[in-house]
Amino acid sequence: MNQLPVSQFVSFFSNPQNATSAVLGTMKILIVLVLSLYLVFGVVILRQISLMTKTVDTPLTPKIKFLGYIHMIFSILVWLCAIVLL
């Protein structure tokens, strides 16, 4: 006799190995999604820096641009490490 979908769900999570793998899989997906949002944030920062430097030119402009690019490179590397390792 076939089990109800709720019974299958409960029996799946009653096994500790299945429950652990499901939780870890969900966490991995969430981590990659959050890091993807952080990557978008890095792009927004670079855009804001370019708009700022077009409006106001200061002696610190090259240093700010450099830090923006370093931040973007770092966020790309962290995202790639998460994709590869997770």
Protein backbone atom coordinates (compact mmCIF):
# COMPACT_ATOMS: atom_id res chain seq x y z
CA MET A 1 0.00 0.00 0.00
CA ASN A 2 1.31 3.47 -0.88
CA GLN A 3 2.19 5.87 1.90
CA LEU A 4 0.73 9.32 2.10
CA PRO A 5 3.09 12.14 1.04
CA VAL A 6 3.24 13.38 4.63
CA SER A 7 4.20 9.91 5.83
CA GLN A 8 6.96 9.73 3.23
CA PHE A 9 8.21 13.15 4.32
CA VAL A 10 8.26 12.16 7.99
CA SER A 11 9.91 8.80 7.28
CA PHE A 12 12.57 10.54 5.16
CA PHE A 13 13.49 12.93 7.97
CA SER A 14 13.28 10.27 10.67
CA ASN A 15 16.52 8.82 9.28
CA PRO A 16 19.33 11.01 10.72
CA GLN A 17 21.51 10.68 7.61
CA ASN A 18 18.73 11.89 5.31
CA ALA A 19 17.84 14.75 7.63
CA THR A 20 21.46 15.85 7.94
CA SER A 21 22.07 15.75 4.19
CA ALA A 22 18.85 17.69 3.54
CA VAL A 23 19.77 20.40 6.04
CA LEU A 24 23.33 20.65 4.74
CA GLY A 25 22.12 20.83 1.13
CA THR A 26 19.74 23.62 2.03
CA MET A 27 22.48 25.50 3.87
CA LYS A 28 24.84 25.19 0.89
CA ILE A 29 22.22 26.62 -1.44
CA LEU A 30 21.52 29.49 0.95
CA ILE A 31 25.22 30.28 1.33
CA VAL A 32 25.70 30.44 -2.45
CA LEU A 33 22.62 32.67 -2.78
CA VAL A 34 23.85 35.06 -0.09
CA LEU A 35 27.29 35.22 -1.67
CA SER A 36 25.66 35.92 -5.03
CA LEU A 37 23.88 38.87 -3.45
CA TYR A 38 27.24 40.01 -2.05
CA LEU A 39 28.66 39.82 -5.57
CA VAL A 40 25.86 42.10 -6.79
CA PHE A 41 26.66 44.42 -3.87
CA GLY A 42 30.27 44.58 -5.09
CA VAL A 43 29.08 45.61 -8.55
CA VAL A 44 26.89 48.32 -7.00
CA ILE A 45 29.87 49.61 -5.03
CA LEU A 46 31.96 49.88 -8.20
CA ARG A 47 29.15 51.74 -9.94
CA GLN A 48 28.78 54.14 -7.02
CA ILE A 49 32.52 54.79 -7.00
CA SER A 50 32.53 55.56 -10.71
CA LEU A 51 29.58 57.94 -10.32
CA MET A 52 31.24 59.59 -7.35
CA THR A 53 34.53 60.11 -9.17
CA LYS A 54 32.73 61.66 -12.14
CA THR A 55 31.08 64.14 -9.79
CA VAL A 56 33.88 64.88 -7.33
CA ASP A 57 37.57 64.52 -8.12
CA THR A 58 39.84 64.34 -5.09
CA PRO A 59 43.41 63.23 -4.47
CA LEU A 60 41.97 60.06 -2.91
CA THR A 61 40.12 59.03 -6.08
CA PRO A 62 42.75 56.52 -7.31
CA LYS A 63 42.99 54.91 -3.87
CA ILE A 64 39.20 54.61 -3.59
CA LYS A 65 38.98 53.09 -7.07
CA PHE A 66 41.77 50.66 -6.19
CA LEU A 67 39.98 49.58 -3.00
CA GLY A 68 36.74 49.14 -4.95
CA TYR A 69 38.42 46.86 -7.48
CA ILE A 70 40.18 44.90 -4.72
CA HIS A 71 36.81 44.44 -3.00
CA MET A 72 35.24 43.21 -6.25
CA ILE A 73 38.08 40.78 -6.92
CA PHE A 74 37.81 39.48 -3.35
CA SER A 75 34.05 38.99 -3.64
CA ILE A 76 34.46 37.12 -6.94
CA LEU A 77 37.12 34.87 -5.41
CA VAL A 78 34.97 34.12 -2.36
CA TRP A 79 32.00 33.32 -4.60
CA LEU A 80 34.11 31.01 -6.79
CA CYS A 81 35.55 29.25 -3.72
CA ALA A 82 32.04 28.69 -2.41
CA ILE A 83 30.92 27.23 -5.75
CA VAL A 84 33.93 24.92 -5.94
CA LEU A 85 34.05 23.84 -2.29
CA LEU A 86 30.36 23.54 -1.59
